Amino acid sequence: MSEGPAARLQQLFEGHRLTPTQRRIAHSMVRRAGDAPFLSSVELAELAGVSQPSVTRFAVALGFDGYPALRKHLREVAPAGPVPGESSYNAYQQAVLGEIENLRHLAELLADPAPVERAGRLLAASRPLPVLGLRAASSQARGFAYFAAKVHPDVRLLDEGGTMLADRIDAARHAGASALLCFALPRHPKEVVDTLAYARSTGLTVVTVADSAFAPVARHSDLLIPAAVGTGLAFDTACAPMLLGRVLLEAMCDDLPSAQARLEEFDARAAARGLFTE
């Protein structure tokens, strides 16, 4: 399976200890992976909202003599030219093809199942299990919590911000929670970053699904698994994060011995109540 430009950039950045500003630059490059080899240092600085010297320091942190050397490297590993017929696709088709590329990248990432398996164990063992997602990520958190509640004995959805958020994390921790699952998508609310920092301070292990390994939540996550969002439409699309959430559900079920029995019990109750039409 061939790698897309976003996947190649992720591999370039992995293994480097980057500052928050440098992670912001890396995140911006991943979001504009196709254009990254052709951006000037000034253009990249404007895109990331940082200074031009920060871009130079970023390139040096990756092991290059400066930004021109980094850009030269990116051009050498970029595809030789456009995909045949790509220009014939309209904007809607290109958005769908972009999501397909994101799913391909996720499939490549899952070739090593160890991070997901570790996440599944952490989530299964946490009683209760708080699931956090605010603003754009609230639907991902709610979807995960809906299905997780069918197999996990105590799932607590945290999809509303405010001063009560820390209280609810305290309550979950005092009730025995050992881990928190967070869905974090652009634009990243500061409240999510602050909440994860607080959750870790209470002793919770933070498992995060984010759009990039360099997202602002990375420094407050014990285990982060990236799944890119689509940026081809006016509003971001999140097929890959949603699918990764279902993969985590599967991994969690594998570590919950009672999962199948709980599902069968739910089906029996649903049939008795006439809950579904089919």
C-alpha atoms as a PDB file:
ATOM      1  CA  MET A   1       0.000   0.000   0.000  1.00  0.00           C
ATOM      2  CA  SER A   2       1.536   3.316  -1.056  1.00  0.00           C
ATOM      3  CA  GLU A   3       1.857   6.085   1.473  1.00  0.00           C
ATOM      4  CA  GLY A   4       0.294   9.492   1.018  1.00  0.00           C
ATOM      5  CA  PRO A   5       2.079  12.779   1.706  1.00  0.00           C
ATOM      6  CA  ALA A   6       0.516  13.109   5.177  1.00  0.00           C
ATOM      7  CA  ALA A   7       1.843   9.681   6.166  1.00  0.00           C
ATOM      8  CA  ARG A   8       5.342  10.554   4.968  1.00  0.00           C
ATOM      9  CA  LEU A   9       5.309  13.775   6.963  1.00  0.00           C
ATOM     10  CA  GLN A  10       4.147  11.967  10.081  1.00  0.00           C
ATOM     11  CA  GLN A  11       7.057   9.540   9.729  1.00  0.00           C
ATOM     12  CA  LEU A  12       9.492  12.434   9.304  1.00  0.00           C
ATOM     13  CA  PHE A  13       8.319  14.069  12.531  1.00  0.00           C
ATOM     14  CA  GLU A  14       8.041  10.926  14.672  1.00  0.00           C
ATOM     15  CA  GLY A  15      10.779  10.361  17.197  1.00  0.00           C
ATOM     16  CA  HIS A  16      11.677  14.047  17.562  1.00  0.00           C
ATOM     17  CA  ARG A  17      11.086  15.983  20.787  1.00  0.00           C
ATOM     18  CA  LEU A  18       9.338  19.074  19.500  1.00  0.00           C
ATOM     19  CA  THR A  19       8.307  22.165  21.416  1.00  0.00           C
ATOM     20  CA  PRO A  20       4.636  23.207  21.403  1.00  0.00           C
ATOM     21  CA  THR A  21       5.438  25.809  18.720  1.00  0.00           C
ATOM     22  CA  GLN A  22       7.231  23.195  16.626  1.00  0.00           C
ATOM     23  CA  ARG A  23       4.338  20.766  17.020  1.00  0.00           C
ATOM     24  CA  ARG A  24       2.068  23.524  15.743  1.00  0.00           C
ATOM     25  CA  ILE A  25       4.237  23.885  12.634  1.00  0.00           C
ATOM     26  CA  ALA A  26       4.278  20.110  12.128  1.00  0.00           C
ATOM     27  CA  HIS A  27       0.507  19.956  12.513  1.00  0.00           C
ATOM     28  CA  SER A  28       0.055  22.710   9.922  1.00  0.00           C
ATOM     29  CA  MET A  29       2.297  20.872   7.472  1.00  0.00           C
ATOM     30  CA  VAL A  30       0.366  17.628   7.902  1.00  0.00           C
ATOM     31  CA  ARG A  31      -2.908  19.445   7.267  1.00  0.00           C
ATOM     32  CA  ARG A  32      -1.440  20.891   4.067  1.00  0.00           C
ATOM     33  CA  ALA A  33       0.692  17.871   3.192  1.00  0.00           C
ATOM     34  CA  GLY A  34       0.297  18.230  -0.556  1.00  0.00           C
ATOM     35  CA  ASP A  35       1.473  21.853  -0.515  1.00  0.00           C
ATOM     36  CA  ALA A  36       4.149  21.541   2.176  1.00  0.00           C
ATOM     37  CA  PRO A  37       7.134  20.901  -0.161  1.00  0.00           C
ATOM     38  CA  PHE A  38       6.391  24.138  -2.018  1.00  0.00           C
ATOM     39  CA  LEU A  39       5.763  26.557   0.867  1.00  0.00           C
ATOM     40  CA  SER A  40       8.345  29.211   1.685  1.00  0.00           C
ATOM     41  CA  SER A  41       9.393  29.643   5.295  1.00  0.00           C
ATOM     42  CA  VAL A  42       7.363  32.847   5.431  1.00  0.00           C
ATOM     43  CA  GLU A  43       4.261  31.124   4.028  1.00  0.00           C
ATOM     44  CA  LEU A  44       4.619  28.238   6.476  1.00  0.00           C
ATOM     45  CA  ALA A  45       5.069  30.669   9.361  1.00  0.00           C
ATOM     46  CA  GLU A  46       1.874  32.488   8.378  1.00  0.00           C
ATOM     47  CA  LEU A  47       0.023  29.193   7.986  1.00  0.00           C
ATOM     48  CA  ALA A  48       1.068  28.013  11.459  1.00  0.00           C
ATOM     49  CA  GLY A  49       0.747  31.442  13.088  1.00  0.00           C
ATOM     50  CA  VAL A  50       4.379  31.488  14.232  1.00  0.00           C
ATOM     51  CA  SER A  51       7.472  33.557  13.464  1.00  0.00           C
ATOM     52  CA  GLN A  52       9.770  32.833  10.526  1.00  0.00           C
ATOM     53  CA  PRO A  53      12.739  32.080  12.854  1.00  0.00           C
ATOM     54  CA  SER A  54      10.538  29.453  14.539  1.00  0.00           C
ATOM     55  CA  VAL A  55      10.254  27.673  11.197  1.00  0.00           C
ATOM     56  CA  THR A  56      14.042  27.692  10.861  1.00  0.00           C
ATOM     57  CA  ARG A  57      14.472  26.285  14.371  1.00  0.00           C
ATOM     58  CA  PHE A  58      11.862  23.643  13.550  1.00  0.00           C
ATOM     59  CA  ALA A  59      13.874  22.478  10.526  1.00  0.00           C
ATOM     60  CA  VAL A  60      17.046  22.308  12.618  1.00  0.00           C
ATOM     61  CA  ALA A  61      15.214  20.301  15.289  1.00  0.00           C
ATOM     62  CA  LEU A  62      14.421  17.723  12.587  1.00  0.00           C
ATOM     63  CA  GLY A  63      18.115  17.428  11.743  1.00  0.00           C
ATOM     64  CA  PHE A  64      18.356  19.719   8.713  1.00  0.00           C
ATOM     65  CA  ASP A  65      20.748  22.630   8.214  1.00  0.00           C
ATOM     66  CA  GLY A  66      17.801  24.962   7.765  1.00  0.00           C
ATOM     67  CA  TYR A  67      14.387  25.250   6.188  1.00  0.00           C
ATOM     68  CA  PRO A  68      15.677  25.165   2.554  1.00  0.00           C
ATOM     69  CA  ALA A  69      17.247  21.768   3.263  1.00  0.00           C
ATOM     70  CA  LEU A  70      13.981  20.502   4.780  1.00  0.00           C
ATOM     71  CA  ARG A  71      11.963  21.748   1.799  1.00  0.00           C
ATOM     72  CA  LYS A  72      14.463  20.151  -0.622  1.00  0.00           C
ATOM     73  CA  HIS A  73      14.032  16.851   1.207  1.00  0.00           C
ATOM     74  CA  LEU A  74      10.243  17.112   1.054  1.00  0.00           C
ATOM     75  CA  ARG A  75      10.358  17.774  -2.686  1.00  0.00           C
ATOM     76  CA  GLU A  76      12.577  14.745  -3.224  1.00  0.00           C
ATOM     77  CA  VAL A  77      10.168  12.401  -1.456  1.00  0.00           C
ATOM     78  CA  ALA A  78       6.984  14.013  -2.880  1.00  0.00           C
ATOM     79  CA  PRO A  79       5.102  12.266  -5.697  1.00  0.00           C
ATOM     80  CA  ALA A  80       6.575  12.965  -9.126  1.00  0.00           C
ATOM     81  CA  GLY A  81       3.360  14.518 -10.358  1.00  0.00           C
ATOM     82  CA  PRO A  82      -0.404  14.634  -9.937  1.00  0.00           C
ATOM     83  CA  VAL A  83      -2.423  11.458  -9.920  1.00  0.00           C
ATOM     84  CA  PRO A  84      -3.732  10.794 -13.451  1.00  0.00           C
ATOM     85  CA  GLY A  85      -7.260  12.132 -13.823  1.00  0.00           C
ATOM     86  CA  GLU A  86      -7.205  13.872 -10.447  1.00  0.00           C
ATOM     87  CA  SER A  87      -7.874  17.270 -11.979  1.00  0.00           C
ATOM     88  CA  SER A  88     -11.114  15.962 -13.485  1.00  0.00           C
ATOM     89  CA  TYR A  89     -12.678  15.447 -10.058  1.00  0.00           C
ATOM     90  CA  ASN A  90     -14.976  18.145  -8.743  1.00  0.00           C
ATOM     91  CA  ALA A  91     -14.615  19.605  -5.251  1.00  0.00           C
ATOM     92  CA  TYR A  92     -17.063  17.140  -3.695  1.00  0.00           C
ATOM     93  CA  GLN A  93     -15.296  14.145  -5.187  1.00  0.00           C
ATOM     94  CA  GLN A  94     -11.932  15.481  -4.061  1.00  0.00           C
ATOM     95  CA  ALA A  95     -13.253  15.757  -0.516  1.00  0.00           C
ATOM     96  CA  VAL A  96     -14.327  12.110  -0.604  1.00  0.00           C
ATOM     97  CA  LEU A  97     -10.995  11.033  -2.098  1.00  0.00           C
ATOM     98  CA  GLY A  98      -9.234  12.972   0.647  1.00  0.00           C
ATOM     99  CA  GLU A  99     -11.147  10.991   3.261  1.00  0.00           C
ATOM    100  CA  ILE A 100     -10.265   7.742   1.498  1.00  0.00           C
ATOM    101  CA  GLU A 101      -6.610   8.758   1.752  1.00  0.00           C
ATOM    102  CA  ASN A 102      -7.080   9.426   5.471  1.00  0.00           C
ATOM    103  CA  LEU A 103      -8.597   5.961   5.905  1.00  0.00           C
ATOM    104  CA  ARG A 104      -5.678   4.402   4.006  1.00  0.00           C
ATOM    105  CA  HIS A 105      -3.288   6.153   6.345  1.00  0.00           C
ATOM    106  CA  LEU A 106      -5.247   4.856   9.341  1.00  0.00           C
ATOM    107  CA  ALA A 107      -5.058   1.322   7.922  1.00  0.00           C
ATOM    108  CA  GLU A 108      -1.268   1.695   7.654  1.00  0.00           C
ATOM    109  CA  LEU A 109      -1.109   2.887  11.242  1.00  0.00           C
ATOM    110  CA  LEU A 110      -3.143  -0.099  12.456  1.00  0.00           C
ATOM    111  CA  ALA A 111      -0.641  -2.517  10.895  1.00  0.00           C
ATOM    112  CA  ASP A 112       0.882  -2.331  14.373  1.00  0.00           C
ATOM    113  CA  PRO A 113      -2.077  -3.195  16.630  1.00  0.00           C
ATOM    114  CA  ALA A 114      -0.155  -2.757  19.892  1.00  0.00           C
ATOM    115  CA  PRO A 115      -1.250   0.849  20.657  1.00  0.00           C
ATOM    116  CA  VAL A 116      -4.928   0.044  20.071  1.00  0.00           C
ATOM    117  CA  GLU A 117      -4.679  -3.151  22.089  1.00  0.00           C
ATOM    118  CA  ARG A 118      -3.060  -1.225  24.947  1.00  0.00           C
ATOM    119  CA  ALA A 119      -5.801   1.401  24.735  1.00  0.00           C
ATOM    120  CA  GLY A 120      -8.458  -1.319  24.831  1.00  0.00           C
ATOM    121  CA  ARG A 121      -6.994  -2.738  28.034  1.00  0.00           C
ATOM    122  CA  LEU A 122      -6.829   0.683  29.675  1.00  0.00           C
ATOM    123  CA  LEU A 123     -10.422   1.550  28.755  1.00  0.00           C
ATOM    124  CA  ALA A 124     -11.818  -1.838  29.767  1.00  0.00           C
ATOM    125  CA  ALA A 125     -10.144  -1.672  33.171  1.00  0.00           C
ATOM    126  CA  SER A 126     -11.412   1.812  34.053  1.00  0.00           C
ATOM    127  CA  ARG A 127     -14.576   1.721  36.190  1.00  0.00           C
ATOM    128  CA  PRO A 128     -16.127   4.189  35.525  1.00  0.00           C
ATOM    129  CA  LEU A 129     -14.864   5.245  32.092  1.00  0.00           C
ATOM    130  CA  PRO A 130     -15.115   9.003  31.360  1.00  0.00           C
ATOM    131  CA  VAL A 131     -15.263   9.902  27.656  1.00  0.00           C
ATOM    132  CA  LEU A 132     -14.435  13.501  26.773  1.00  0.00           C
ATOM    133  CA  GLY A 133     -15.217  15.410  23.585  1.00  0.00           C
ATOM    134  CA  LEU A 134     -16.126  19.074  23.248  1.00  0.00           C
ATOM    135  CA  ARG A 135     -17.391  21.141  20.316  1.00  0.00           C
ATOM    136  CA  ALA A 136     -16.417  19.476  17.003  1.00  0.00           C
ATOM    137  CA  ALA A 137     -15.416  16.289  18.821  1.00  0.00           C
ATOM    138  CA  SER A 138     -18.601  15.982  20.868  1.00  0.00           C
ATOM    139  CA  SER A 139     -20.327  13.773  18.291  1.00  0.00           C
ATOM    140  CA  GLN A 140     -17.356  11.375  18.267  1.00  0.00           C
ATOM    141  CA  ALA A 141     -17.402  11.124  22.051  1.00  0.00           C
ATOM    142  CA  ARG A 142     -21.175  10.684  22.151  1.00  0.00           C
ATOM    143  CA  GLY A 143     -21.088   7.945  19.502  1.00  0.00           C
ATOM    144  CA  PHE A 144     -18.376   6.053  21.342  1.00  0.00           C
ATOM    145  CA  ALA A 145     -20.159   6.413  24.687  1.00  0.00           C
ATOM    146  CA  TYR A 146     -23.459   5.216  23.218  1.00  0.00           C
ATOM    147  CA  PHE A 147     -22.008   1.920  22.027  1.00  0.00           C
ATOM    148  CA  ALA A 148     -19.552   1.508  24.893  1.00  0.00           C
ATOM    149  CA  ALA A 149     -22.414   1.661  27.401  1.00  0.00           C
ATOM    150  CA  LYS A 150     -23.788  -1.558  25.884  1.00  0.00           C
ATOM    151  CA  VAL A 151     -20.731  -3.519  27.036  1.00  0.00           C
ATOM    152  CA  HIS A 152     -19.047  -1.419  29.744  1.00  0.00           C
ATOM    153  CA  PRO A 153     -20.777  -1.170  33.139  1.00  0.00           C
ATOM    154  CA  ASP A 154     -20.181   2.559  33.715  1.00  0.00           C
ATOM    155  CA  VAL A 155     -19.495   5.024  30.888  1.00  0.00           C
ATOM    156  CA  ARG A 156     -19.656   8.740  31.678  1.00  0.00           C
ATOM    157  CA  LEU A 157     -19.945  11.123  28.744  1.00  0.00           C
ATOM    158  CA  LEU A 158     -18.284  14.523  29.145  1.00  0.00           C
ATOM    159  CA  ASP A 159     -19.455  16.544  26.156  1.00  0.00           C
ATOM    160  CA  GLU A 160     -20.255  19.878  27.792  1.00  0.00           C
ATOM    161  CA  GLY A 161     -17.662  22.332  29.025  1.00  0.00           C
ATOM    162  CA  GLY A 162     -17.835  24.709  31.941  1.00  0.00           C
ATOM    163  CA  THR A 163     -16.847  24.780  35.568  1.00  0.00           C
ATOM    164  CA  MET A 164     -18.592  21.458  36.273  1.00  0.00           C
ATOM    165  CA  LEU A 165     -16.176  19.558  34.013  1.00  0.00           C
ATOM    166  CA  ALA A 166     -13.434  19.294  36.638  1.00  0.00           C
ATOM    167  CA  ASP A 167     -16.058  18.289  39.211  1.00  0.00           C
ATOM    168  CA  ARG A 168     -17.215  15.427  37.001  1.00  0.00           C
ATOM    169  CA  ILE A 169     -13.646  14.254  36.507  1.00  0.00           C
ATOM    170  CA  ASP A 170     -13.131  14.353  40.276  1.00  0.00           C
ATOM    171  CA  ALA A 171     -16.301  12.317  40.761  1.00  0.00           C
ATOM    172  CA  ALA A 172     -15.185   9.711  38.218  1.00  0.00           C
ATOM    173  CA  ARG A 173     -11.739   9.482  39.803  1.00  0.00           C
ATOM    174  CA  HIS A 174     -13.191   9.086  43.302  1.00  0.00           C
ATOM    175  CA  ALA A 175     -15.516   6.371  41.991  1.00  0.00           C
ATOM    176  CA  GLY A 176     -12.513   4.383  40.788  1.00  0.00           C
ATOM    177  CA  ALA A 177     -11.783   5.584  37.252  1.00  0.00           C
ATOM    178  CA  SER A 178      -8.229   4.863  36.111  1.00  0.00           C
ATOM    179  CA  ALA A 179      -8.360   6.127  32.506  1.00  0.00           C
ATOM    180  CA  LEU A 180     -10.066   8.786  30.406  1.00  0.00           C
ATOM    181  CA  LEU A 181     -10.741   8.627  26.674  1.00  0.00           C
ATOM    182  CA  CYS A 182     -10.617  11.927  24.794  1.00  0.00           C
ATOM    183  CA  PHE A 183     -11.620  12.776  21.235  1.00  0.00           C
ATOM    184  CA  ALA A 184      -9.828  15.958  20.161  1.00  0.00           C
ATOM    185  CA  LEU A 185     -10.444  17.565  16.773  1.00  0.00           C
ATOM    186  CA  PRO A 186      -9.795  20.975  15.203  1.00  0.00           C
ATOM    187  CA  ARG A 187     -10.239  23.630  16.173  1.00  0.00           C
ATOM    188  CA  HIS A 188      -8.860  22.464  19.493  1.00  0.00           C
ATOM    189  CA  PRO A 189     -10.639  24.160  22.420  1.00  0.00           C
ATOM    190  CA  LYS A 190      -8.277  25.399  25.107  1.00  0.00           C
ATOM    191  CA  GLU A 191     -10.677  23.913  27.625  1.00  0.00           C
ATOM    192  CA  VAL A 192      -9.911  20.404  26.346  1.00  0.00           C
ATOM    193  CA  VAL A 193      -6.173  20.937  26.746  1.00  0.00           C
ATOM    194  CA  ASP A 194      -6.680  22.278  30.262  1.00  0.00           C
ATOM    195  CA  THR A 195      -9.050  19.434  31.149  1.00  0.00           C
ATOM    196  CA  LEU A 196      -6.582  16.769  30.051  1.00  0.00           C
ATOM    197  CA  ALA A 197      -3.842  18.420  32.090  1.00  0.00           C
ATOM    198  CA  TYR A 198      -6.158  18.370  35.105  1.00  0.00           C
ATOM    199  CA  ALA A 199      -7.231  14.755  34.486  1.00  0.00           C
ATOM    200  CA  ARG A 200      -3.604  13.604  34.462  1.00  0.00           C
ATOM    201  CA  SER A 201      -2.923  15.559  37.644  1.00  0.00           C
ATOM    202  CA  THR A 202      -5.607  13.469  39.365  1.00  0.00           C
ATOM    203  CA  GLY A 203      -3.867  10.265  38.290  1.00  0.00           C
ATOM    204  CA  LEU A 204      -5.987   9.349  35.285  1.00  0.00           C
ATOM    205  CA  THR A 205      -4.282   7.787  32.276  1.00  0.00           C
ATOM    206  CA  VAL A 206      -5.327   9.762  29.190  1.00  0.00           C
ATOM    207  CA  VAL A 207      -5.994   7.943  25.911  1.00  0.00           C
ATOM    208  CA  THR A 208      -6.594  10.372  23.049  1.00  0.00           C
ATOM    209  CA  VAL A 209      -7.904  10.133  19.501  1.00  0.00           C
ATOM    210  CA  ALA A 210      -6.683  13.293  17.741  1.00  0.00           C
ATOM    211  CA  ASP A 211      -6.334  14.507  14.178  1.00  0.00           C
ATOM    212  CA  SER A 212      -2.531  14.575  14.452  1.00  0.00           C
ATOM    213  CA  ALA A 213       0.252  13.261  16.655  1.00  0.00           C
ATOM    214  CA  PHE A 214       1.265  16.909  16.980  1.00  0.00           C
ATOM    215  CA  ALA A 215      -2.115  18.246  18.104  1.00  0.00           C
ATOM    216  CA  PRO A 216      -2.090  20.565  21.163  1.00  0.00           C
ATOM    217  CA  VAL A 217      -3.440  17.733  23.340  1.00  0.00           C
ATOM    218  CA  ALA A 218      -0.395  15.543  22.662  1.00  0.00           C
ATOM    219  CA  ARG A 219       1.634  16.780  25.617  1.00  0.00           C
ATOM    220  CA  HIS A 220      -1.203  15.896  28.001  1.00  0.00           C
ATOM    221  CA  SER A 221      -1.888  12.412  26.579  1.00  0.00           C
ATOM    222  CA  ASP A 222      -0.341   9.166  27.809  1.00  0.00           C
ATOM    223  CA  LEU A 223      -1.360   7.366  24.625  1.00  0.00           C
ATOM    224  CA  LEU A 224      -2.359   9.277  21.498  1.00  0.00           C
ATOM    225  CA  ILE A 225      -3.530   7.555  18.323  1.00  0.00           C
ATOM    226  CA  PRO A 226      -3.870   9.904  15.330  1.00  0.00           C
ATOM    227  CA  ALA A 227      -6.597   9.824  12.696  1.00  0.00           C
ATOM    228  CA  ALA A 228      -6.571  12.683  10.199  1.00  0.00           C
ATOM    229  CA  VAL A 229      -9.592  14.821   9.399  1.00  0.00           C
ATOM    230  CA  GLY A 230     -10.614  15.915   5.915  1.00  0.00           C
ATOM    231  CA  THR A 231     -10.191  19.596   5.122  1.00  0.00           C
ATOM    232  CA  GLY A 232     -11.591  19.745   1.582  1.00  0.00           C
ATOM    233  CA  LEU A 233     -14.981  21.193   2.556  1.00  0.00           C
ATOM    234  CA  ALA A 234     -16.031  24.275   4.503  1.00  0.00           C
ATOM    235  CA  PHE A 235     -16.236  22.149   7.649  1.00  0.00           C
ATOM    236  CA  ASP A 236     -13.771  19.381   8.525  1.00  0.00           C
ATOM    237  CA  THR A 237     -14.874  15.781   8.001  1.00  0.00           C
ATOM    238  CA  ALA A 238     -13.976  13.095  10.535  1.00  0.00           C
ATOM    239  CA  CYS A 239     -14.484   9.653   8.999  1.00  0.00           C
ATOM    240  CA  ALA A 240     -11.103   8.354  10.180  1.00  0.00           C
ATOM    241  CA  PRO A 241     -11.518   9.473  13.831  1.00  0.00           C
ATOM    242  CA  MET A 242     -14.987   7.919  13.897  1.00  0.00           C
ATOM    243  CA  LEU A 243     -13.681   4.613  12.537  1.00  0.00           C
ATOM    244  CA  LEU A 244     -10.779   4.664  14.988  1.00  0.00           C
ATOM    245  CA  GLY A 245     -13.325   5.098  17.778  1.00  0.00           C
ATOM    246  CA  ARG A 246     -15.078   1.918  16.628  1.00  0.00           C
ATOM    247  CA  VAL A 247     -11.741   0.107  16.474  1.00  0.00           C
ATOM    248  CA  LEU A 248     -11.091   1.129  20.074  1.00  0.00           C
ATOM    249  CA  LEU A 249     -14.529  -0.197  20.993  1.00  0.00           C
ATOM    250  CA  GLU A 250     -13.598  -3.540  19.458  1.00  0.00           C
ATOM    251  CA  ALA A 251     -10.316  -3.611  21.368  1.00  0.00           C
ATOM    252  CA  MET A 252     -12.125  -2.718  24.590  1.00  0.00           C
ATOM    253  CA  CYS A 253     -14.657  -5.505  24.039  1.00  0.00           C
ATOM    254  CA  ASP A 254     -11.799  -7.976  23.657  1.00  0.00           C
ATOM    255  CA  ASP A 255     -10.764  -7.130  27.230  1.00  0.00           C
ATOM    256  CA  LEU A 256     -14.275  -7.237  28.700  1.00  0.00           C
ATOM    257  CA  PRO A 257     -15.172 -10.904  29.337  1.00  0.00           C
ATOM    258  CA  SER A 258     -18.829  -9.998  29.870  1.00  0.00           C
ATOM    259  CA  ALA A 259     -19.159  -7.971  26.655  1.00  0.00           C
ATOM    260  CA  GLN A 260     -20.883 -10.659  24.580  1.00  0.00           C
ATOM    261  CA  ALA A 261     -23.263 -11.593  27.387  1.00  0.00           C
ATOM    262  CA  ARG A 262     -24.225  -7.941  27.892  1.00  0.00           C
ATOM    263  CA  LEU A 263     -24.902  -7.537  24.156  1.00  0.00           C
ATOM    264  CA  GLU A 264     -27.102 -10.628  24.113  1.00  0.00           C
ATOM    265  CA  GLU A 265     -28.957  -9.390  27.178  1.00  0.00           C
ATOM    266  CA  PHE A 266     -29.560  -6.038  25.510  1.00  0.00           C
ATOM    267  CA  ASP A 267     -30.848  -7.711  22.350  1.00  0.00           C
ATOM    268  CA  ALA A 268     -33.273  -9.810  24.404  1.00  0.00           C
ATOM    269  CA  ARG A 269     -34.591  -6.753  26.246  1.00  0.00           C
ATOM    270  CA  ALA A 270     -34.878  -4.780  23.011  1.00  0.00           C
ATOM    271  CA  ALA A 271     -36.890  -7.575  21.404  1.00  0.00           C
ATOM    272  CA  ALA A 272     -39.198  -7.811  24.428  1.00  0.00           C
ATOM    273  CA  ARG A 273     -39.830  -4.054  24.274  1.00  0.00           C
ATOM    274  CA  GLY A 274     -40.258  -3.961  20.524  1.00  0.00           C
ATOM    275  CA  LEU A 275     -37.535  -1.343  20.452  1.00  0.00           C
ATOM    276  CA  PHE A 276     -36.558  -1.719  16.789  1.00  0.00           C
ATOM    277  CA  THR A 277     -38.759  -2.128  13.721  1.00  0.00           C
ATOM    278  CA  GLU A 278     -36.634  -4.779  12.015  1.00  0.00           C
END
